[in-house]
N, C-alpha and C. Protein backbone atom coordinates (compact mmCIF):
# COMPACT_ATOMS: atom_id res chain seq x y z
N MET A 1 26.58 32.76 -40.60
CA MET A 1 26.94 32.64 -39.21
C MET A 1 25.85 31.94 -38.41
N LYS A 2 24.58 32.34 -38.64
CA LYS A 2 23.47 31.72 -37.93
C LYS A 2 23.37 30.24 -38.25
N LYS A 3 23.58 29.88 -39.54
CA LYS A 3 23.51 28.48 -39.93
C LYS A 3 24.63 27.68 -39.26
N SER A 4 25.82 28.25 -39.19
CA SER A 4 26.95 27.57 -38.55
C SER A 4 26.69 27.35 -37.07
N LEU A 5 26.16 28.36 -36.40
CA LEU A 5 25.85 28.26 -34.98
C LEU A 5 24.75 27.23 -34.76
N MET A 6 23.73 27.22 -35.61
CA MET A 6 22.63 26.25 -35.50
C MET A 6 23.15 24.84 -35.74
N LEU A 7 24.00 24.66 -36.73
CA LEU A 7 24.57 23.35 -37.03
C LEU A 7 25.44 22.88 -35.87
N PHE A 8 26.24 23.78 -35.30
CA PHE A 8 27.08 23.43 -34.16
C PHE A 8 26.23 23.03 -32.96
N SER A 9 25.19 23.79 -32.63
CA SER A 9 24.30 23.49 -31.51
C SER A 9 23.61 22.15 -31.69
N THR A 10 23.15 21.88 -32.89
CA THR A 10 22.49 20.62 -33.18
C THR A 10 23.47 19.45 -33.04
N THR A 11 24.69 19.63 -33.53
CA THR A 11 25.71 18.58 -33.43
C THR A 11 26.05 18.29 -31.98
N VAL A 12 26.22 19.32 -31.16
CA VAL A 12 26.54 19.14 -29.74
C VAL A 12 25.38 18.43 -29.04
N ALA A 13 24.17 18.87 -29.30
CA ALA A 13 23.00 18.26 -28.66
C ALA A 13 22.89 16.78 -29.04
N LEU A 14 23.10 16.47 -30.30
CA LEU A 14 23.05 15.09 -30.76
C LEU A 14 24.14 14.24 -30.12
N ALA A 15 25.33 14.79 -29.98
CA ALA A 15 26.44 14.07 -29.35
C ALA A 15 26.13 13.77 -27.88
N VAL A 16 25.56 14.73 -27.19
CA VAL A 16 25.22 14.53 -25.79
C VAL A 16 24.14 13.46 -25.65
N ILE A 17 23.13 13.51 -26.44
CA ILE A 17 22.02 12.55 -26.37
C ILE A 17 22.50 11.13 -26.66
N THR A 18 23.31 10.98 -27.71
CA THR A 18 23.73 9.62 -28.07
C THR A 18 24.81 9.08 -27.15
N SER A 19 25.57 9.94 -26.50
CA SER A 19 26.61 9.45 -25.60
C SER A 19 26.04 8.95 -24.29
N CYS A 20 24.80 9.25 -24.00
CA CYS A 20 24.18 8.84 -22.74
C CYS A 20 23.36 7.57 -22.88
N SER A 21 23.55 6.85 -23.95
CA SER A 21 22.78 5.63 -24.13
C SER A 21 23.68 4.42 -24.00
N SER A 22 23.07 3.29 -23.72
CA SER A 22 23.83 2.05 -23.59
C SER A 22 22.97 0.91 -24.07
N GLU A 23 23.60 0.01 -24.79
CA GLU A 23 22.89 -1.18 -25.22
C GLU A 23 23.21 -2.36 -24.32
N ASN A 24 24.04 -2.15 -23.30
CA ASN A 24 24.44 -3.21 -22.40
C ASN A 24 23.65 -3.09 -21.09
N GLU A 25 22.80 -4.08 -20.81
CA GLU A 25 21.98 -4.03 -19.60
C GLU A 25 22.82 -4.10 -18.33
N ASP A 26 24.04 -4.63 -18.41
CA ASP A 26 24.91 -4.69 -17.24
C ASP A 26 25.33 -3.30 -16.77
N ASP A 27 25.27 -2.31 -17.65
CA ASP A 27 25.62 -0.94 -17.28
C ASP A 27 24.52 -0.28 -16.45
N LEU A 28 23.35 -0.85 -16.47
CA LEU A 28 22.21 -0.27 -15.76
C LEU A 28 22.13 -0.86 -14.36
N THR A 29 22.97 -0.39 -13.46
CA THR A 29 23.01 -0.92 -12.10
C THR A 29 22.54 0.12 -11.13
N ASP A 30 22.10 -0.34 -9.99
CA ASP A 30 21.68 0.52 -8.90
C ASP A 30 22.78 0.49 -7.85
N ASP A 31 23.39 1.64 -7.61
CA ASP A 31 24.46 1.69 -6.62
C ASP A 31 23.96 2.21 -5.28
N GLY A 32 22.67 2.09 -5.03
CA GLY A 32 22.08 2.56 -3.78
C GLY A 32 22.43 1.66 -2.62
N PRO A 33 21.91 2.00 -1.42
CA PRO A 33 22.28 1.26 -0.22
C PRO A 33 21.85 -0.19 -0.25
N GLY A 34 20.87 -0.54 -1.06
CA GLY A 34 20.41 -1.91 -1.11
C GLY A 34 21.18 -2.79 -2.08
N ASN A 35 22.19 -2.22 -2.74
CA ASN A 35 22.95 -2.99 -3.71
C ASN A 35 23.99 -3.84 -2.99
N GLY A 36 23.85 -5.14 -3.04
CA GLY A 36 24.73 -6.03 -2.30
C GLY A 36 23.94 -6.81 -1.27
N GLU A 37 24.65 -7.57 -0.46
CA GLU A 37 23.98 -8.38 0.54
C GLU A 37 23.55 -7.52 1.73
N VAL A 38 22.29 -7.62 2.09
CA VAL A 38 21.75 -6.89 3.23
C VAL A 38 21.77 -7.83 4.42
N THR A 39 22.39 -7.40 5.51
CA THR A 39 22.46 -8.22 6.72
C THR A 39 21.97 -7.42 7.92
N TYR A 40 21.66 -8.16 8.98
CA TYR A 40 21.26 -7.51 10.22
C TYR A 40 22.39 -6.63 10.75
N VAL A 41 23.58 -7.20 10.88
CA VAL A 41 24.71 -6.48 11.44
C VAL A 41 25.11 -5.29 10.56
N GLY A 42 25.15 -5.49 9.25
CA GLY A 42 25.60 -4.46 8.34
C GLY A 42 24.60 -3.37 8.04
N ASN A 43 23.30 -3.67 8.13
CA ASN A 43 22.30 -2.71 7.68
C ASN A 43 21.13 -2.49 8.64
N ILE A 44 20.57 -3.57 9.13
CA ILE A 44 19.30 -3.48 9.86
C ILE A 44 19.48 -3.05 11.31
N ARG A 45 20.52 -3.52 11.97
CA ARG A 45 20.73 -3.19 13.38
C ARG A 45 20.77 -1.68 13.60
N GLY A 46 21.40 -0.93 12.71
CA GLY A 46 21.46 0.53 12.84
C GLY A 46 20.09 1.18 12.74
N VAL A 47 19.25 0.65 11.87
CA VAL A 47 17.88 1.18 11.73
C VAL A 47 17.10 0.92 13.02
N ILE A 48 17.21 -0.30 13.52
CA ILE A 48 16.50 -0.67 14.76
C ILE A 48 17.00 0.17 15.92
N SER A 49 18.32 0.32 16.03
CA SER A 49 18.90 1.11 17.13
C SER A 49 18.43 2.55 17.09
N GLY A 50 18.44 3.13 15.90
CA GLY A 50 18.08 4.54 15.77
C GLY A 50 16.60 4.85 15.81
N SER A 51 15.77 3.88 15.46
CA SER A 51 14.34 4.17 15.31
C SER A 51 13.42 3.39 16.23
N CYS A 52 13.92 2.31 16.86
CA CYS A 52 13.02 1.42 17.60
C CYS A 52 13.38 1.22 19.07
N LEU A 53 14.68 1.22 19.37
CA LEU A 53 15.10 0.83 20.72
C LEU A 53 14.72 1.84 21.80
N GLY A 54 14.34 3.04 21.44
CA GLY A 54 13.86 4.00 22.43
C GLY A 54 12.67 3.45 23.20
N CYS A 55 11.84 2.69 22.55
CA CYS A 55 10.68 2.06 23.20
C CYS A 55 10.83 0.54 23.28
N HIS A 56 11.40 -0.07 22.25
CA HIS A 56 11.51 -1.53 22.15
C HIS A 56 12.88 -2.03 22.62
N GLY A 57 13.41 -1.44 23.69
CA GLY A 57 14.71 -1.84 24.22
C GLY A 57 14.63 -3.15 24.98
N ALA A 58 15.70 -3.47 25.71
CA ALA A 58 15.75 -4.71 26.50
C ALA A 58 14.56 -4.79 27.45
N THR A 59 14.21 -3.65 28.04
CA THR A 59 12.98 -3.54 28.84
C THR A 59 12.09 -2.56 28.10
N PRO A 60 11.07 -3.05 27.40
CA PRO A 60 10.21 -2.16 26.61
C PRO A 60 9.56 -1.07 27.47
N THR A 61 9.43 0.12 26.89
CA THR A 61 8.81 1.26 27.56
C THR A 61 7.76 1.90 26.66
N ASN A 62 7.07 2.88 27.19
CA ASN A 62 6.07 3.65 26.44
C ASN A 62 5.00 2.77 25.80
N GLY A 63 4.68 1.68 26.43
CA GLY A 63 3.63 0.80 25.92
C GLY A 63 4.07 -0.19 24.86
N ALA A 64 5.35 -0.21 24.53
CA ALA A 64 5.83 -1.18 23.54
C ALA A 64 5.63 -2.59 24.09
N PRO A 65 5.03 -3.48 23.32
CA PRO A 65 4.69 -4.81 23.84
C PRO A 65 5.82 -5.84 23.81
N PHE A 66 6.96 -5.52 23.18
CA PHE A 66 8.05 -6.48 23.07
C PHE A 66 9.37 -5.76 22.83
N SER A 67 10.46 -6.47 23.06
CA SER A 67 11.81 -5.96 22.84
C SER A 67 12.26 -6.27 21.41
N LEU A 68 13.08 -5.37 20.88
CA LEU A 68 13.76 -5.59 19.60
C LEU A 68 15.26 -5.41 19.81
N ASN A 69 15.72 -5.87 20.95
CA ASN A 69 17.09 -5.64 21.37
C ASN A 69 18.11 -6.58 20.74
N THR A 70 17.69 -7.73 20.25
CA THR A 70 18.63 -8.71 19.71
C THR A 70 18.26 -9.09 18.28
N PHE A 71 19.21 -9.73 17.62
CA PHE A 71 18.96 -10.26 16.28
C PHE A 71 17.74 -11.18 16.29
N ASN A 72 17.67 -12.10 17.27
CA ASN A 72 16.54 -13.04 17.32
C ASN A 72 15.22 -12.32 17.52
N ASP A 73 15.20 -11.27 18.35
CA ASP A 73 13.98 -10.48 18.55
C ASP A 73 13.50 -9.90 17.22
N VAL A 74 14.43 -9.32 16.49
CA VAL A 74 14.09 -8.63 15.23
C VAL A 74 13.75 -9.63 14.12
N SER A 75 14.58 -10.65 13.95
CA SER A 75 14.35 -11.59 12.85
C SER A 75 13.06 -12.37 13.04
N SER A 76 12.70 -12.69 14.28
CA SER A 76 11.46 -13.44 14.50
C SER A 76 10.22 -12.59 14.27
N ARG A 77 10.37 -11.29 14.27
CA ARG A 77 9.23 -10.38 14.05
C ARG A 77 9.37 -9.56 12.77
N ALA A 78 10.26 -9.98 11.89
CA ALA A 78 10.59 -9.19 10.70
C ALA A 78 9.38 -8.82 9.85
N ASP A 79 8.49 -9.76 9.59
CA ASP A 79 7.32 -9.46 8.76
C ASP A 79 6.40 -8.44 9.42
N GLY A 80 6.20 -8.57 10.72
CA GLY A 80 5.37 -7.62 11.45
C GLY A 80 6.00 -6.24 11.51
N ILE A 81 7.33 -6.20 11.69
CA ILE A 81 8.04 -4.91 11.69
C ILE A 81 7.88 -4.24 10.33
N LEU A 82 8.08 -5.01 9.27
CA LEU A 82 7.93 -4.45 7.92
C LEU A 82 6.52 -3.90 7.72
N ALA A 83 5.52 -4.63 8.17
CA ALA A 83 4.14 -4.16 8.03
C ALA A 83 3.95 -2.84 8.78
N ALA A 84 4.52 -2.74 9.98
CA ALA A 84 4.34 -1.53 10.79
C ALA A 84 5.09 -0.33 10.21
N ILE A 85 6.32 -0.55 9.71
CA ILE A 85 7.07 0.58 9.17
C ILE A 85 6.60 0.97 7.77
N SER A 86 5.83 0.11 7.12
CA SER A 86 5.31 0.41 5.79
C SER A 86 4.04 1.25 5.83
N LYS A 87 3.42 1.35 6.99
CA LYS A 87 2.19 2.15 7.11
C LYS A 87 2.52 3.63 7.02
N GLN A 88 1.53 4.40 6.61
CA GLN A 88 1.69 5.85 6.56
C GLN A 88 1.61 6.42 7.97
N ALA A 89 2.34 7.50 8.21
CA ALA A 89 2.30 8.16 9.52
C ALA A 89 0.86 8.46 9.89
N GLY A 90 0.49 8.16 11.11
CA GLY A 90 -0.87 8.42 11.59
C GLY A 90 -1.79 7.23 11.48
N GLU A 91 -1.44 6.23 10.67
CA GLU A 91 -2.25 5.02 10.57
C GLU A 91 -2.13 4.23 11.88
N THR A 92 -3.14 3.45 12.19
CA THR A 92 -3.11 2.60 13.36
C THR A 92 -1.93 1.65 13.29
N LYS A 93 -1.17 1.58 14.38
CA LYS A 93 0.00 0.71 14.53
C LYS A 93 1.15 1.04 13.57
N ALA A 94 1.18 2.27 13.06
CA ALA A 94 2.30 2.71 12.23
C ALA A 94 3.51 2.95 13.13
N MET A 95 4.67 2.52 12.68
CA MET A 95 5.91 2.68 13.43
C MET A 95 6.97 3.28 12.53
N PRO A 96 7.87 4.05 13.11
CA PRO A 96 7.88 4.53 14.48
C PRO A 96 6.83 5.63 14.66
N PRO A 97 6.40 5.84 15.90
CA PRO A 97 5.33 6.81 16.13
C PRO A 97 5.73 8.25 15.79
N GLY A 98 7.03 8.54 15.74
CA GLY A 98 7.48 9.90 15.44
C GLY A 98 7.42 10.27 13.96
N GLY A 99 7.12 9.32 13.09
CA GLY A 99 7.04 9.59 11.66
C GLY A 99 7.60 8.44 10.85
N ARG A 100 7.16 8.36 9.63
CA ARG A 100 7.52 7.24 8.75
C ARG A 100 9.00 7.29 8.37
N LEU A 101 9.61 6.12 8.30
CA LEU A 101 10.99 6.00 7.84
C LEU A 101 11.06 6.28 6.35
N PRO A 102 12.23 6.67 5.84
CA PRO A 102 12.36 6.87 4.39
C PRO A 102 12.07 5.58 3.63
N GLN A 103 11.51 5.71 2.45
CA GLN A 103 11.16 4.53 1.65
C GLN A 103 12.39 3.67 1.36
N THR A 104 13.55 4.27 1.21
CA THR A 104 14.76 3.49 0.96
C THR A 104 15.08 2.57 2.14
N THR A 105 14.79 3.02 3.35
CA THR A 105 15.01 2.20 4.54
C THR A 105 14.01 1.05 4.59
N ILE A 106 12.78 1.33 4.25
CA ILE A 106 11.74 0.29 4.20
C ILE A 106 12.10 -0.74 3.13
N ASP A 107 12.56 -0.28 1.98
CA ASP A 107 12.97 -1.18 0.91
C ASP A 107 14.15 -2.05 1.35
N LEU A 108 15.08 -1.46 2.09
CA LEU A 108 16.23 -2.21 2.60
C LEU A 108 15.76 -3.31 3.55
N PHE A 109 14.80 -3.00 4.40
CA PHE A 109 14.25 -4.00 5.32
C PHE A 109 13.59 -5.14 4.53
N GLN A 110 12.87 -4.79 3.45
CA GLN A 110 12.25 -5.81 2.60
C GLN A 110 13.32 -6.68 1.95
N GLU A 111 14.41 -6.08 1.48
CA GLU A 111 15.50 -6.85 0.89
C GLU A 111 16.08 -7.84 1.90
N TRP A 112 16.20 -7.40 3.15
CA TRP A 112 16.73 -8.27 4.21
C TRP A 112 15.80 -9.47 4.41
N ILE A 113 14.51 -9.24 4.43
CA ILE A 113 13.54 -10.34 4.57
C ILE A 113 13.63 -11.26 3.36
N ASP A 114 13.69 -10.68 2.17
CA ASP A 114 13.79 -11.49 0.95
C ASP A 114 15.05 -12.37 0.94
N ALA A 115 16.10 -11.89 1.61
CA ALA A 115 17.35 -12.65 1.70
C ALA A 115 17.32 -13.64 2.87
N GLU A 116 16.16 -13.80 3.48
CA GLU A 116 15.94 -14.72 4.61
C GLU A 116 16.64 -14.28 5.88
N THR A 117 16.64 -12.99 6.13
CA THR A 117 17.11 -12.33 7.35
C THR A 117 18.48 -12.79 7.85
N PRO A 118 19.52 -12.68 7.00
CA PRO A 118 20.86 -13.09 7.48
C PRO A 118 21.37 -12.16 8.58
N GLU A 119 22.09 -12.75 9.52
CA GLU A 119 22.65 -11.96 10.62
C GLU A 119 23.92 -11.24 10.18
N ASN A 120 24.83 -11.97 9.55
CA ASN A 120 26.12 -11.38 9.11
C ASN A 120 26.27 -11.49 7.59
């Protein structure tokens, strides 16, 4: 009985291990938020609205030196924005001042820049 149970357990474990493998690299895809075309309208505008416009609105407040209210405002400053949001919370000129954005959001912003900052 013990040998049968051990053989069964080993067989099940082996089946599970081998069924989770793939020799096709096309099966190894990332279905995260950055998969596909990243655009200002589809992805970046929401991040800016939720995290930046409180200070960087049409009329900047709280010492913000510029507006990020439009696509042109954001796209023309994309590299600087990426540098600021990539800093650790508490670092000089880290944005937003309330705390660092999730790394997935920062990565999405980088993808947008890499795609040459498309609007739509």
